[in-house]
Amino acid sequence: RLEALLPARTGELARLAGLEVPKTHDGERVSYKPLLDVLIQADRFFRQQLREHPTRQRAVDYLRQRGLTGQIAGAFGIGYAPPGWEHLSRALQDAGVATQDLIAAGLASRDEQGRLRDRFRDRITFPIRDRRGRVIAFGGRALDSETTPKYLNSPETPLFHKGAELYGLYEARTHTPHLQRLVVVEGYMDVVALAQYAISYTVATLGTAT
């Protein structure tokens, strides 16, 4: 079997081929489907907030100020995480999502008092997709200039390893299946802004190390 011949490279080869090698734990298969489902719901939530939340105008105004159209924002799935500690967590828990899955997906964490807190708050959100187009993480851009860090990624999770992903690569390959070149830029907003002007082969790294 491939796993026996190349145990250290199986996962990487599978990702390049658009496949998934089931992980094992104590001889049992571990499925990532629950986490992927949670991230799909979070993606829908953030997009809905950009359309409907009472404070959405701040986010809309910021995107317009950066010159983005609604069409390009929709193409990249840009959303909005409203201010507040647990908007996403409450919405997903009401939909039946388990607390441990929220935490495992990198969407929430426990504070020192053990309270559940959303990771993304008062931020523009950018879904990060793998080579198959599945949402595996999010990036967030602060709307308040005093908020640090300005850009925030999901933490490392079973699905998301920031050193192995490039923001915008799926979208670039969707636009041009056989890419001849890539331009690497600093952040999510740069990728989206350039794509709006037909420079669709742009990607961004997801950390300080390349």
N, C-alpha and C. Protein backbone atom coordinates (compact mmCIF):
# COMPACT_ATOMS: atom_id res chain seq x y z
N ARG A 1 0.83 -1.19 0.00
CA ARG A 1 0.00 0.00 0.00
C ARG A 1 0.87 1.25 0.00
N LEU A 2 0.32 2.35 -0.53
CA LEU A 2 1.05 3.61 -0.55
C LEU A 2 1.44 4.04 0.85
N GLU A 3 0.56 3.81 1.84
CA GLU A 3 0.86 4.20 3.20
C GLU A 3 2.07 3.46 3.74
N ALA A 4 2.25 2.22 3.31
CA ALA A 4 3.40 1.45 3.77
C ALA A 4 4.68 1.89 3.07
N LEU A 5 4.58 2.27 1.80
CA LEU A 5 5.76 2.66 1.05
C LEU A 5 6.22 4.06 1.39
N LEU A 6 5.28 4.98 1.56
CA LEU A 6 5.63 6.38 1.78
C LEU A 6 4.85 6.96 2.96
N PRO A 7 5.09 6.43 4.16
CA PRO A 7 4.26 6.86 5.29
C PRO A 7 4.38 8.34 5.60
N ALA A 8 5.53 8.95 5.34
CA ALA A 8 5.72 10.35 5.69
C ALA A 8 5.13 11.30 4.65
N ARG A 9 4.84 10.78 3.45
CA ARG A 9 4.41 11.65 2.36
C ARG A 9 2.97 11.41 1.94
N THR A 10 2.31 10.44 2.53
CA THR A 10 0.98 10.08 2.08
C THR A 10 0.01 11.25 2.13
N GLY A 11 0.00 11.94 3.26
CA GLY A 11 -0.94 13.05 3.42
C GLY A 11 -0.72 14.13 2.38
N GLU A 12 0.55 14.48 2.13
CA GLU A 12 0.86 15.52 1.16
C GLU A 12 0.45 15.10 -0.24
N LEU A 13 0.76 13.86 -0.62
CA LEU A 13 0.39 13.36 -1.94
C LEU A 13 -1.12 13.34 -2.11
N ALA A 14 -1.82 12.94 -1.06
CA ALA A 14 -3.28 12.90 -1.15
C ALA A 14 -3.86 14.29 -1.35
N ARG A 15 -3.31 15.29 -0.63
CA ARG A 15 -3.81 16.65 -0.78
C ARG A 15 -3.59 17.16 -2.20
N LEU A 16 -2.41 16.86 -2.77
CA LEU A 16 -2.12 17.31 -4.13
C LEU A 16 -3.06 16.66 -5.14
N ALA A 17 -3.51 15.44 -4.84
CA ALA A 17 -4.40 14.73 -5.75
C ALA A 17 -5.87 15.04 -5.48
N GLY A 18 -6.12 15.87 -4.45
CA GLY A 18 -7.50 16.20 -4.12
C GLY A 18 -8.21 15.09 -3.38
N LEU A 19 -7.45 14.23 -2.71
CA LEU A 19 -8.03 13.12 -1.96
C LEU A 19 -7.79 13.31 -0.47
N GLU A 20 -8.41 12.45 0.32
CA GLU A 20 -8.23 12.52 1.76
C GLU A 20 -7.90 11.15 2.30
N VAL A 21 -6.78 11.04 3.00
CA VAL A 21 -6.40 9.78 3.63
C VAL A 21 -6.98 9.76 5.03
N PRO A 22 -7.85 8.80 5.36
CA PRO A 22 -8.43 8.78 6.71
C PRO A 22 -7.34 8.63 7.76
N LYS A 23 -7.42 9.47 8.80
CA LYS A 23 -6.49 9.37 9.90
C LYS A 23 -6.93 8.23 10.81
N THR A 24 -5.99 7.68 11.56
CA THR A 24 -6.33 6.62 12.49
C THR A 24 -5.90 7.00 13.89
N HIS A 25 -6.64 6.53 14.85
CA HIS A 25 -6.31 6.74 16.26
C HIS A 25 -6.64 5.46 16.99
N ASP A 26 -5.60 4.78 17.50
CA ASP A 26 -5.78 3.50 18.19
C ASP A 26 -6.51 2.51 17.31
N GLY A 27 -6.16 2.53 16.01
CA GLY A 27 -6.73 1.56 15.08
C GLY A 27 -8.09 1.93 14.52
N GLU A 28 -8.67 3.09 14.95
CA GLU A 28 -9.97 3.50 14.46
C GLU A 28 -9.83 4.71 13.54
N ARG A 29 -10.68 4.76 12.52
CA ARG A 29 -10.66 5.90 11.60
C ARG A 29 -11.19 7.16 12.29
N VAL A 30 -10.55 8.26 12.00
CA VAL A 30 -11.00 9.55 12.52
C VAL A 30 -11.50 10.37 11.35
N SER A 31 -12.76 10.78 11.39
CA SER A 31 -13.36 11.55 10.29
C SER A 31 -13.29 13.04 10.59
N TYR A 32 -12.98 13.82 9.54
CA TYR A 32 -12.97 15.27 9.67
C TYR A 32 -14.32 15.88 9.31
N LYS A 33 -15.28 15.06 8.91
CA LYS A 33 -16.55 15.60 8.44
C LYS A 33 -17.25 16.49 9.47
N PRO A 34 -17.27 16.11 10.77
CA PRO A 34 -17.93 17.01 11.73
C PRO A 34 -17.31 18.41 11.75
N LEU A 35 -16.00 18.50 11.67
CA LEU A 35 -15.36 19.81 11.68
C LEU A 35 -15.64 20.57 10.39
N LEU A 36 -15.63 19.88 9.27
CA LEU A 36 -15.94 20.52 8.00
C LEU A 36 -17.38 21.06 7.99
N ASP A 37 -18.29 20.30 8.57
CA ASP A 37 -19.68 20.74 8.65
C ASP A 37 -19.81 21.99 9.53
N VAL A 38 -19.07 22.04 10.63
CA VAL A 38 -19.09 23.21 11.51
C VAL A 38 -18.59 24.44 10.76
N LEU A 39 -17.53 24.27 10.00
CA LEU A 39 -16.94 25.39 9.26
C LEU A 39 -17.87 25.87 8.15
N ILE A 40 -18.61 24.96 7.53
CA ILE A 40 -19.60 25.36 6.53
C ILE A 40 -20.67 26.23 7.18
N GLN A 41 -21.13 25.83 8.36
CA GLN A 41 -22.15 26.60 9.05
C GLN A 41 -21.62 27.97 9.48
N ALA A 42 -20.36 28.00 9.92
CA ALA A 42 -19.75 29.28 10.30
C ALA A 42 -19.63 30.19 9.10
N ASP A 43 -19.26 29.64 7.95
CA ASP A 43 -19.16 30.42 6.72
C ASP A 43 -20.50 31.05 6.37
N ARG A 44 -21.57 30.27 6.47
CA ARG A 44 -22.91 30.79 6.19
C ARG A 44 -23.28 31.89 7.19
N PHE A 45 -22.94 31.67 8.45
CA PHE A 45 -23.26 32.65 9.49
C PHE A 45 -22.59 33.99 9.20
N PHE A 46 -21.29 33.96 8.90
CA PHE A 46 -20.56 35.21 8.65
C PHE A 46 -21.12 35.95 7.43
N ARG A 47 -21.44 35.21 6.39
CA ARG A 47 -22.00 35.85 5.19
C ARG A 47 -23.36 36.48 5.50
N GLN A 48 -24.16 35.77 6.28
CA GLN A 48 -25.47 36.29 6.65
C GLN A 48 -25.35 37.58 7.47
N GLN A 49 -24.37 37.63 8.38
CA GLN A 49 -24.19 38.82 9.21
C GLN A 49 -23.81 40.03 8.36
N LEU A 50 -23.05 39.81 7.29
CA LEU A 50 -22.68 40.91 6.41
C LEU A 50 -23.90 41.47 5.69
N ARG A 51 -24.92 40.64 5.51
CA ARG A 51 -26.15 41.09 4.85
C ARG A 51 -27.18 41.66 5.82
N GLU A 52 -27.19 41.15 7.07
CA GLU A 52 -28.35 41.40 7.91
C GLU A 52 -28.08 42.00 9.28
N HIS A 53 -26.88 41.89 9.82
CA HIS A 53 -26.65 42.32 11.20
C HIS A 53 -26.83 43.84 11.34
N PRO A 54 -27.38 44.31 12.46
CA PRO A 54 -27.60 45.76 12.64
C PRO A 54 -26.35 46.61 12.51
N THR A 55 -25.17 46.05 12.81
CA THR A 55 -23.94 46.84 12.70
C THR A 55 -23.17 46.55 11.42
N ARG A 56 -23.83 45.90 10.47
CA ARG A 56 -23.17 45.49 9.23
C ARG A 56 -22.61 46.66 8.43
N GLN A 57 -23.19 47.86 8.58
CA GLN A 57 -22.80 48.98 7.74
C GLN A 57 -21.34 49.34 7.92
N ARG A 58 -20.81 49.16 9.12
CA ARG A 58 -19.38 49.43 9.34
C ARG A 58 -18.53 48.55 8.43
N ALA A 59 -18.91 47.29 8.34
CA ALA A 59 -18.16 46.37 7.49
C ALA A 59 -18.35 46.69 6.02
N VAL A 60 -19.58 47.00 5.63
CA VAL A 60 -19.87 47.35 4.24
C VAL A 60 -19.09 48.60 3.84
N ASP A 61 -19.09 49.60 4.71
CA ASP A 61 -18.38 50.84 4.41
C ASP A 61 -16.87 50.59 4.26
N TYR A 62 -16.34 49.72 5.10
CA TYR A 62 -14.91 49.43 5.00
C TYR A 62 -14.58 48.77 3.66
N LEU A 63 -15.39 47.81 3.26
CA LEU A 63 -15.15 47.11 2.00
C LEU A 63 -15.26 48.08 0.81
N ARG A 64 -16.26 48.97 0.87
CA ARG A 64 -16.40 49.95 -0.20
C ARG A 64 -15.23 50.91 -0.22
N GLN A 65 -14.76 51.29 0.97
CA GLN A 65 -13.60 52.19 1.06
C GLN A 65 -12.37 51.56 0.42
N ARG A 66 -12.27 50.23 0.55
CA ARG A 66 -11.15 49.52 -0.07
C ARG A 66 -11.40 49.25 -1.55
N GLY A 67 -12.53 49.70 -2.07
CA GLY A 67 -12.80 49.59 -3.50
C GLY A 67 -13.37 48.27 -3.95
N LEU A 68 -13.88 47.45 -3.03
CA LEU A 68 -14.40 46.15 -3.41
C LEU A 68 -15.87 46.24 -3.80
N THR A 69 -16.25 45.48 -4.79
CA THR A 69 -17.64 45.39 -5.19
C THR A 69 -18.31 44.24 -4.46
N GLY A 70 -19.64 44.26 -4.44
CA GLY A 70 -20.37 43.15 -3.86
C GLY A 70 -20.11 41.84 -4.59
N GLN A 71 -19.87 41.94 -5.89
CA GLN A 71 -19.62 40.74 -6.69
C GLN A 71 -18.34 40.04 -6.27
N ILE A 72 -17.26 40.80 -6.10
CA ILE A 72 -15.99 40.17 -5.74
C ILE A 72 -16.03 39.70 -4.29
N ALA A 73 -16.73 40.44 -3.42
CA ALA A 73 -16.87 40.00 -2.04
C ALA A 73 -17.61 38.67 -1.98
N GLY A 74 -18.63 38.51 -2.82
CA GLY A 74 -19.36 37.26 -2.87
C GLY A 74 -18.53 36.13 -3.43
N ALA A 75 -17.70 36.42 -4.43
CA ALA A 75 -16.86 35.39 -5.05
C ALA A 75 -15.87 34.80 -4.06
N PHE A 76 -15.38 35.62 -3.15
CA PHE A 76 -14.41 35.14 -2.15
C PHE A 76 -15.08 34.80 -0.81
N GLY A 77 -16.40 34.93 -0.74
CA GLY A 77 -17.11 34.53 0.47
C GLY A 77 -16.85 35.43 1.67
N ILE A 78 -16.57 36.70 1.43
CA ILE A 78 -16.27 37.61 2.53
C ILE A 78 -17.50 37.76 3.43
N GLY A 79 -17.26 37.76 4.74
CA GLY A 79 -18.35 37.87 5.70
C GLY A 79 -18.02 38.86 6.80
N TYR A 80 -18.78 38.78 7.87
CA TYR A 80 -18.65 39.74 8.97
C TYR A 80 -18.91 39.03 10.29
N ALA A 81 -17.97 39.17 11.20
CA ALA A 81 -18.14 38.68 12.57
C ALA A 81 -18.50 39.88 13.43
N PRO A 82 -19.73 39.99 13.90
CA PRO A 82 -20.15 41.17 14.65
C PRO A 82 -19.47 41.26 16.01
N PRO A 83 -19.45 42.45 16.62
CA PRO A 83 -18.88 42.58 17.96
C PRO A 83 -19.70 41.79 18.97
N GLY A 84 -19.06 41.32 20.01
CA GLY A 84 -19.75 40.49 20.99
C GLY A 84 -18.98 39.20 21.20
N TRP A 85 -19.14 38.62 22.37
CA TRP A 85 -18.30 37.49 22.74
C TRP A 85 -18.74 36.15 22.18
N GLU A 86 -20.04 35.98 21.87
CA GLU A 86 -20.49 34.62 21.56
C GLU A 86 -21.62 34.55 20.54
N HIS A 87 -21.65 35.48 19.60
CA HIS A 87 -22.70 35.43 18.58
C HIS A 87 -22.64 34.14 17.76
N LEU A 88 -21.46 33.82 17.25
CA LEU A 88 -21.31 32.62 16.43
C LEU A 88 -21.54 31.37 17.26
N SER A 89 -20.95 31.31 18.44
CA SER A 89 -21.08 30.11 19.28
C SER A 89 -22.53 29.82 19.61
N ARG A 90 -23.27 30.85 19.98
CA ARG A 90 -24.68 30.65 20.32
C ARG A 90 -25.48 30.17 19.11
N ALA A 91 -25.24 30.81 17.96
CA ALA A 91 -25.99 30.45 16.76
C ALA A 91 -25.73 29.00 16.37
N LEU A 92 -24.47 28.58 16.41
CA LEU A 92 -24.15 27.21 16.02
C LEU A 92 -24.58 26.20 17.07
N GLN A 93 -24.49 26.56 18.33
CA GLN A 93 -24.99 25.65 19.36
C GLN A 93 -26.49 25.47 19.24
N ASP A 94 -27.21 26.55 18.94
CA ASP A 94 -28.66 26.45 18.73
C ASP A 94 -28.98 25.54 17.55
N ALA A 95 -28.04 25.46 16.59
CA ALA A 95 -28.24 24.59 15.42
C ALA A 95 -27.78 23.17 15.68
N GLY A 96 -27.32 22.90 16.91
CA GLY A 96 -26.94 21.53 17.27
C GLY A 96 -25.47 21.23 17.25
N VAL A 97 -24.62 22.23 17.04
CA VAL A 97 -23.17 21.99 17.01
C VAL A 97 -22.66 21.81 18.44
N ALA A 98 -21.84 20.80 18.63
CA ALA A 98 -21.27 20.52 19.96
C ALA A 98 -20.17 21.53 20.28
N THR A 99 -20.08 21.87 21.55
CA THR A 99 -19.07 22.83 22.00
C THR A 99 -17.67 22.37 21.63
N GLN A 100 -17.38 21.09 21.83
CA GLN A 100 -16.04 20.59 21.54
C GLN A 100 -15.68 20.72 20.06
N ASP A 101 -16.70 20.65 19.18
CA ASP A 101 -16.43 20.81 17.75
C ASP A 101 -16.16 22.28 17.40
N LEU A 102 -16.83 23.21 18.07
CA LEU A 102 -16.54 24.63 17.89
C LEU A 102 -15.09 24.92 18.23
N ILE A 103 -14.63 24.36 19.33
CA ILE A 103 -13.26 24.60 19.78
C ILE A 103 -12.27 23.89 18.85
N ALA A 104 -12.56 22.64 18.49
CA ALA A 104 -11.66 21.88 17.63
C ALA A 104 -11.52 22.52 16.25
N ALA A 105 -12.57 23.19 15.78
CA ALA A 105 -12.53 23.85 14.46
C ALA A 105 -11.83 25.20 14.52
N GLY A 106 -11.44 25.64 15.71
CA GLY A 106 -10.73 26.91 15.84
C GLY A 106 -11.64 28.12 15.85
N LEU A 107 -12.93 27.92 16.09
CA LEU A 107 -13.88 29.02 16.03
C LEU A 107 -14.13 29.66 17.39
N ALA A 108 -13.80 28.94 18.45
CA ALA A 108 -14.05 29.44 19.80
C ALA A 108 -13.03 28.85 20.75
N SER A 109 -12.95 29.43 21.93
CA SER A 109 -12.04 28.93 22.97
C SER A 109 -12.64 29.25 24.33
N ARG A 110 -12.03 28.71 25.35
CA ARG A 110 -12.45 28.99 26.72
C ARG A 110 -11.55 30.07 27.32
N ASP A 111 -12.18 31.03 28.03
CA ASP A 111 -11.36 32.02 28.72
C ASP A 111 -10.95 31.49 30.09
N GLU A 112 -10.30 32.33 30.90
CA GLU A 112 -9.78 31.87 32.18
C GLU A 112 -10.89 31.44 33.14
N GLN A 113 -12.09 31.95 32.93
CA GLN A 113 -13.23 31.56 33.76
C GLN A 113 -14.00 30.38 33.17
N GLY A 114 -13.49 29.84 32.05
CA GLY A 114 -14.14 28.70 31.44
C GLY A 114 -15.29 29.05 30.52
N ARG A 115 -15.49 30.35 30.24
CA ARG A 115 -16.58 30.76 29.37
C ARG A 115 -16.18 30.61 27.90
N LEU A 116 -17.15 30.24 27.08
CA LEU A 116 -16.90 30.06 25.65
C LEU A 116 -16.86 31.42 24.97
N ARG A 117 -15.81 31.67 24.19
CA ARG A 117 -15.63 32.96 23.52
C ARG A 117 -15.35 32.75 22.04
N ASP A 118 -16.05 33.51 21.18
CA ASP A 118 -15.76 33.47 19.75
C ASP A 118 -14.35 33.97 19.48
N ARG A 119 -13.68 33.34 18.54
CA ARG A 119 -12.34 33.81 18.17
C ARG A 119 -12.42 35.08 17.32
N PHE A 120 -13.39 35.14 16.41
CA PHE A 120 -13.52 36.28 15.50
C PHE A 120 -14.65 37.18 15.97
N ARG A 121 -14.30 38.43 16.29
CA ARG A 121 -15.27 39.40 16.79
C ARG A 121 -14.96 40.76 16.18
N ASP A 122 -15.99 41.41 15.66
CA ASP A 122 -15.85 42.73 15.05
C ASP A 122 -14.77 42.74 13.97
N ARG A 123 -14.88 41.79 13.07
CA ARG A 123 -13.89 41.65 12.00
C ARG A 123 -14.56 41.29 10.68
N ILE A 124 -13.94 41.73 9.59
CA ILE A 124 -14.25 41.19 8.27
C ILE A 124 -13.68 39.78 8.24
N THR A 125 -14.44 38.82 7.71
CA THR A 125 -13.96 37.44 7.69
C THR A 125 -13.71 36.97 6.26
N PHE A 126 -12.69 36.15 6.11
CA PHE A 126 -12.29 35.60 4.82
C PHE A 126 -12.17 34.09 4.98
N PRO A 127 -13.03 33.30 4.33
CA PRO A 127 -12.87 31.85 4.40
C PRO A 127 -11.60 31.40 3.69
N ILE A 128 -10.88 30.52 4.33
CA ILE A 128 -9.66 29.94 3.76
C ILE A 128 -10.01 28.55 3.27
N ARG A 129 -9.77 28.31 1.99
CA ARG A 129 -10.18 27.04 1.38
C ARG A 129 -8.96 26.17 1.06
N ASP A 130 -9.17 24.86 1.11
CA ASP A 130 -8.11 23.95 0.70
C ASP A 130 -8.16 23.74 -0.80
N ARG A 131 -7.37 22.84 -1.32
CA ARG A 131 -7.29 22.63 -2.76
C ARG A 131 -8.58 22.09 -3.35
N ARG A 132 -9.44 21.54 -2.50
CA ARG A 132 -10.72 21.01 -2.96
C ARG A 132 -11.85 22.02 -2.81
N GLY A 133 -11.53 23.21 -2.32
CA GLY A 133 -12.54 24.24 -2.16
C GLY A 133 -13.30 24.19 -0.86
N ARG A 134 -12.89 23.33 0.06
CA ARG A 134 -13.57 23.22 1.34
C ARG A 134 -13.05 24.29 2.31
N VAL A 135 -13.96 24.91 3.06
CA VAL A 135 -13.54 25.88 4.06
C VAL A 135 -12.89 25.13 5.21
N ILE A 136 -11.62 25.45 5.48
CA ILE A 136 -10.89 24.77 6.55
C ILE A 136 -10.47 25.73 7.66
N ALA A 137 -10.65 27.03 7.44
CA ALA A 137 -10.25 28.02 8.45
C ALA A 137 -10.77 29.38 8.01
N PHE A 138 -10.50 30.38 8.83
CA PHE A 138 -10.88 31.75 8.50
C PHE A 138 -9.73 32.71 8.83
N GLY A 139 -9.75 33.82 8.11
CA GLY A 139 -8.92 34.95 8.47
C GLY A 139 -9.84 36.10 8.82
N GLY A 140 -9.39 36.97 9.70
CA GLY A 140 -10.22 38.10 10.10
C GLY A 140 -9.43 39.39 10.10
N ARG A 141 -10.03 40.46 9.57
CA ARG A 141 -9.40 41.77 9.54
C ARG A 141 -10.16 42.69 10.50
N ALA A 142 -9.45 43.25 11.48
CA ALA A 142 -10.09 44.09 12.49
C ALA A 142 -10.68 45.34 11.85
N LEU A 143 -11.86 45.75 12.33
CA LEU A 143 -12.49 46.98 11.85
C LEU A 143 -12.08 48.18 12.71
N ASP A 144 -11.73 47.93 13.94
CA ASP A 144 -11.29 48.98 14.84
C ASP A 144 -9.78 49.12 14.73
N SER A 145 -9.29 50.31 14.43
CA SER A 145 -7.85 50.51 14.23
C SER A 145 -7.04 50.25 15.49
N GLU A 146 -7.68 50.26 16.64
CA GLU A 146 -6.96 50.02 17.89
C GLU A 146 -6.90 48.55 18.27
N THR A 147 -7.65 47.71 17.54
CA THR A 147 -7.67 46.28 17.85
C THR A 147 -6.41 45.60 17.32
N THR A 148 -5.80 44.76 18.15
CA THR A 148 -4.64 43.98 17.73
C THR A 148 -4.93 42.49 17.97
N PRO A 149 -4.40 41.62 17.10
CA PRO A 149 -3.70 41.97 15.88
C PRO A 149 -4.68 42.45 14.80
N LYS A 150 -4.15 43.20 13.84
CA LYS A 150 -5.00 43.69 12.76
C LYS A 150 -5.57 42.53 11.96
N TYR A 151 -4.72 41.55 11.66
CA TYR A 151 -5.14 40.35 10.95
C TYR A 151 -5.01 39.15 11.89
N LEU A 152 -6.01 38.31 11.87
CA LEU A 152 -6.04 37.14 12.75
C LEU A 152 -6.45 35.92 11.95
N ASN A 153 -5.68 34.84 12.07
CA ASN A 153 -6.02 33.58 11.43
C ASN A 153 -6.62 32.61 12.43
N SER A 154 -7.31 31.61 11.93
CA SER A 154 -7.68 30.47 12.77
C SER A 154 -6.41 29.85 13.34
N PRO A 155 -6.49 29.24 14.50
CA PRO A 155 -5.32 28.52 15.02
C PRO A 155 -5.09 27.23 14.24
N GLU A 156 -3.97 26.59 14.48
CA GLU A 156 -3.72 25.28 13.88
C GLU A 156 -4.77 24.30 14.39
N THR A 157 -5.36 23.54 13.46
CA THR A 157 -6.38 22.55 13.81
C THR A 157 -6.07 21.26 13.04
N PRO A 158 -6.82 20.20 13.29
CA PRO A 158 -6.61 18.99 12.49
C PRO A 158 -6.78 19.22 10.99
N LEU A 159 -7.55 20.25 10.61
CA LEU A 159 -7.78 20.55 9.20
C LEU A 159 -6.85 21.62 8.66
N PHE A 160 -6.39 22.51 9.49
CA PHE A 160 -5.70 23.71 9.03
C PHE A 160 -4.27 23.77 9.56
N HIS A 161 -3.32 23.75 8.62
CA HIS A 161 -1.91 23.92 8.94
C HIS A 161 -1.42 25.07 8.05
N LYS A 162 -1.27 26.24 8.66
CA LYS A 162 -1.08 27.45 7.86
C LYS A 162 0.15 27.41 6.97
N GLY A 163 1.17 26.67 7.36
CA GLY A 163 2.37 26.58 6.53
C GLY A 163 2.16 25.75 5.27
N ALA A 164 1.05 25.02 5.19
CA ALA A 164 0.78 24.16 4.04
C ALA A 164 -0.29 24.70 3.12
N GLU A 165 -0.79 25.91 3.41
CA GLU A 165 -1.88 26.47 2.62
C GLU A 165 -1.52 27.87 2.10
N LEU A 166 -2.19 28.25 1.02
CA LEU A 166 -2.07 29.60 0.47
C LEU A 166 -3.47 30.17 0.29
N TYR A 167 -3.70 31.35 0.83
CA TYR A 167 -5.00 31.98 0.65
C TYR A 167 -5.17 32.38 -0.82
N GLY A 168 -6.31 32.02 -1.39
CA GLY A 168 -6.61 32.38 -2.76
C GLY A 168 -6.19 31.37 -3.81
N LEU A 169 -5.48 30.30 -3.39
CA LEU A 169 -5.01 29.33 -4.39
C LEU A 169 -6.18 28.59 -5.04
N TYR A 170 -7.17 28.21 -4.25
CA TYR A 170 -8.32 27.52 -4.83
C TYR A 170 -9.02 28.43 -5.84
N GLU A 171 -9.25 29.68 -5.47
CA GLU A 171 -9.92 30.61 -6.38
C GLU A 171 -9.10 30.85 -7.65
N ALA A 172 -7.78 30.94 -7.49
CA ALA A 172 -6.92 31.14 -8.66
C ALA A 172 -6.99 29.93 -9.60
N ARG A 173 -6.99 28.74 -9.03
CA ARG A 173 -7.04 27.53 -9.86
C ARG A 173 -8.42 27.34 -10.48
N THR A 174 -9.45 27.81 -9.79
CA THR A 174 -10.79 27.74 -10.37
C THR A 174 -10.89 28.64 -11.59
N HIS A 175 -10.28 29.81 -11.51
CA HIS A 175 -10.30 30.75 -12.62
C HIS A 175 -9.42 30.28 -13.77
N THR A 176 -8.23 29.75 -13.43
CA THR A 176 -7.27 29.28 -14.44
C THR A 176 -6.76 27.90 -14.02
N PRO A 177 -7.36 26.81 -14.51
CA PRO A 177 -7.01 25.47 -14.04
C PRO A 177 -5.52 25.13 -14.17
N HIS A 178 -4.87 25.62 -15.24
CA HIS A 178 -3.45 25.30 -15.45
C HIS A 178 -2.64 26.59 -15.27
N LEU A 179 -2.40 26.94 -14.03
CA LEU A 179 -1.69 28.17 -13.73
C LEU A 179 -0.24 28.10 -14.19
N GLN A 180 0.20 29.15 -14.83
CA GLN A 180 1.59 29.24 -15.26
C GLN A 180 2.45 30.03 -14.28
N ARG A 181 1.80 30.86 -13.48
CA ARG A 181 2.55 31.64 -12.50
C ARG A 181 1.62 32.07 -11.38
N LEU A 182 2.24 32.42 -10.25
CA LEU A 182 1.52 32.97 -9.11
C LEU A 182 2.25 34.21 -8.62
N VAL A 183 1.49 35.18 -8.18
CA VAL A 183 2.06 36.35 -7.52
C VAL A 183 1.71 36.24 -6.03
N VAL A 184 2.72 36.29 -5.18
CA VAL A 184 2.51 36.18 -3.74
C VAL A 184 2.46 37.58 -3.13
N VAL A 185 1.37 37.88 -2.43
CA VAL A 185 1.20 39.19 -1.81
C VAL A 185 1.06 39.01 -0.30
N GLU A 186 0.84 40.14 0.38
CA GLU A 186 0.91 40.10 1.84
C GLU A 186 -0.34 39.54 2.51
N GLY A 187 -1.53 39.93 2.04
CA GLY A 187 -2.70 39.55 2.81
C GLY A 187 -3.93 39.29 1.98
N TYR A 188 -5.00 38.92 2.68
CA TYR A 188 -6.26 38.57 2.02
C TYR A 188 -6.78 39.70 1.15
N MET A 189 -6.78 40.90 1.69
CA MET A 189 -7.37 42.02 0.98
C MET A 189 -6.63 42.30 -0.33
N ASP A 190 -5.32 42.09 -0.33
CA ASP A 190 -4.54 42.29 -1.56
C ASP A 190 -4.97 41.29 -2.64
N VAL A 191 -5.18 40.03 -2.22
CA VAL A 191 -5.61 39.00 -3.17
C VAL A 191 -6.95 39.37 -3.79
N VAL A 192 -7.90 39.75 -2.94
CA VAL A 192 -9.25 40.06 -3.42
C VAL A 192 -9.25 41.30 -4.31
N ALA A 193 -8.52 42.33 -3.90
CA ALA A 193 -8.50 43.57 -4.68
C ALA A 193 -7.89 43.35 -6.06
N LEU A 194 -6.83 42.57 -6.13
CA LEU A 194 -6.21 42.31 -7.43
C LEU A 194 -7.10 41.44 -8.31
N ALA A 195 -7.78 40.47 -7.69
CA ALA A 195 -8.70 39.63 -8.47
C ALA A 195 -9.80 40.46 -9.10
N GLN A 196 -10.21 41.51 -8.41
CA GLN A 196 -11.25 42.38 -8.95
C GLN A 196 -10.80 43.07 -10.23
N TYR A 197 -9.50 43.26 -10.36
CA TYR A 197 -8.95 43.90 -11.55
C TYR A 197 -8.32 42.88 -12.50
N ALA A 198 -8.88 41.67 -12.47
CA ALA A 198 -8.55 40.60 -13.42
C ALA A 198 -7.14 40.04 -13.23
N ILE A 199 -6.49 40.32 -12.10
CA ILE A 199 -5.22 39.67 -11.78
C ILE A 199 -5.59 38.51 -10.86
N SER A 200 -5.94 37.40 -11.47
CA SER A 200 -6.57 36.29 -10.75
C SER A 200 -5.61 35.19 -10.34
N TYR A 201 -4.31 35.46 -10.44
CA TYR A 201 -3.30 34.44 -10.11
C TYR A 201 -2.51 34.88 -8.88
N THR A 202 -3.18 35.50 -7.94
CA THR A 202 -2.53 36.05 -6.75
C THR A 202 -2.90 35.22 -5.53
N VAL A 203 -1.92 34.98 -4.66
CA VAL A 203 -2.15 34.23 -3.42
C VAL A 203 -1.43 34.97 -2.29
N ALA A 204 -1.79 34.60 -1.05
CA ALA A 204 -1.14 35.18 0.11
C ALA A 204 -0.74 34.07 1.07
N THR A 205 0.41 34.23 1.69
CA THR A 205 0.81 33.28 2.73
C THR A 205 -0.02 33.54 3.98
N LEU A 206 -0.04 32.56 4.86
CA LEU A 206 -0.89 32.61 6.06
C LEU A 206 -0.08 32.68 7.33
N GLY A 207 1.08 33.26 7.24
CA GLY A 207 1.92 33.42 8.41
C GLY A 207 3.15 34.22 8.03
N THR A 208 4.01 34.44 9.00
CA THR A 208 5.21 35.24 8.72
C THR A 208 6.29 34.43 8.03
N ALA A 209 6.22 33.10 8.12
CA ALA A 209 7.23 32.25 7.50
C ALA A 209 6.70 31.71 6.18
N THR A 210 7.51 31.73 5.14
CA THR A 210 7.14 31.19 3.84
C THR A 210 7.89 29.87 3.61
